[in-house]
Amino acid sequence: MEALKHRAVADALTTGDLHLPGHIGYALTGRRGLGDAEVLELLAPYAGQRHQAGRLILLAGRIPARREPQAPLGRIARL
């Protein structure tokens, strides 16, 4: 339902999403942890088409690599 709501408005980029600003920000700058305000600033040149620009960026597939687990893997044989 969320996708259908934005289909009619080309400039409506979803804000408040957990992953969307991080993925778009990483694709455009290579930095992690950007917020909604920074992403909207980066997409300012695409005013009027920010939703489509964001979708194309996500479809390009350049997302940050997943982080490795912090705990070292132990040997199960010792259990």
Protein backbone atom coordinates (compact mmCIF):
# COMPACT_ATOMS: atom_id res chain seq x y z
CA MET A 1 0.00 0.00 0.00
CA GLU A 2 2.90 2.36 0.76
CA ALA A 3 4.26 2.00 -2.79
CA LEU A 4 0.88 2.78 -4.33
CA LYS A 5 0.52 5.91 -2.23
CA HIS A 6 3.79 7.36 -3.58
CA ARG A 7 3.28 6.34 -7.19
CA ALA A 8 1.07 9.39 -7.85
CA VAL A 9 3.53 11.89 -6.34
CA ALA A 10 6.94 11.83 -8.02
CA ASP A 11 8.60 14.01 -5.38
CA ALA A 12 7.38 12.13 -2.28
CA LEU A 13 10.39 10.35 -0.81
CA THR A 14 9.61 8.25 2.26
CA THR A 15 11.12 9.75 5.41
CA GLY A 16 11.45 8.08 8.77
CA ASP A 17 12.46 4.75 7.23
CA LEU A 18 15.20 2.82 9.01
CA HIS A 19 17.22 1.67 5.98
CA LEU A 20 16.28 3.94 3.08
CA PRO A 21 18.40 6.99 3.98
CA GLY A 22 21.38 4.79 4.78
CA HIS A 23 21.23 2.95 1.47
CA ILE A 24 20.68 6.05 -0.67
CA GLY A 25 23.29 8.05 1.27
CA TYR A 26 25.86 5.28 0.92
CA ALA A 27 25.20 4.94 -2.81
CA LEU A 28 25.71 8.66 -3.39
CA THR A 29 28.52 9.46 -0.94
CA GLY A 30 30.08 6.19 0.22
CA ARG A 31 29.43 7.15 3.86
CA ARG A 32 27.33 5.20 6.34
CA GLY A 33 24.71 6.54 8.70
CA LEU A 34 23.21 9.47 6.81
CA GLY A 35 19.81 10.64 7.99
CA ASP A 36 16.68 11.86 6.24
CA ALA A 37 17.81 15.50 6.13
CA GLU A 38 21.14 14.67 4.49
CA VAL A 39 19.50 12.41 1.91
CA LEU A 40 16.91 15.06 1.02
CA GLU A 41 19.77 17.53 0.60
CA LEU A 42 21.63 15.10 -1.67
CA LEU A 43 18.50 14.58 -3.77
CA ALA A 44 17.78 18.32 -4.05
CA PRO A 45 19.05 18.46 -7.67
CA TYR A 46 16.30 15.96 -8.53
CA ALA A 47 13.51 18.11 -7.09
CA GLY A 48 10.24 17.03 -8.60
CA GLN A 49 11.52 13.51 -9.22
CA ARG A 50 13.12 12.56 -5.89
CA HIS A 51 11.05 9.41 -5.47
CA GLN A 52 12.05 8.08 -8.89
CA ALA A 53 15.68 9.06 -8.30
CA GLY A 54 15.65 7.21 -4.97
CA ARG A 55 14.11 4.10 -6.56
CA LEU A 56 16.71 4.09 -9.36
CA ILE A 57 19.51 4.45 -6.82
CA LEU A 58 18.14 1.50 -4.84
CA LEU A 59 17.73 -0.59 -7.99
CA ALA A 60 21.40 0.02 -8.85
CA GLY A 61 22.21 -2.24 -5.89
CA ARG A 62 25.05 -0.27 -4.28
CA ILE A 63 24.29 -0.82 -0.62
CA PRO A 64 26.70 -0.97 2.32
CA ALA A 65 28.25 -4.33 3.08
CA ARG A 66 26.84 -6.18 6.06
CA ARG A 67 28.91 -6.03 9.18
CA GLU A 68 30.54 -9.13 10.55
CA PRO A 69 29.55 -10.50 13.97
CA GLN A 70 31.53 -8.99 16.83
CA ALA A 71 31.87 -12.19 18.85
CA PRO A 72 34.62 -14.60 17.80
CA LEU A 73 33.47 -17.96 16.59
CA GLY A 74 34.24 -20.66 19.13
CA ARG A 75 34.92 -24.32 18.61
CA ILE A 76 31.86 -26.41 19.22
CA ALA A 77 33.98 -29.48 20.04
CA ARG A 78 34.86 -28.00 23.46
CA LEU A 79 31.22 -27.99 24.51
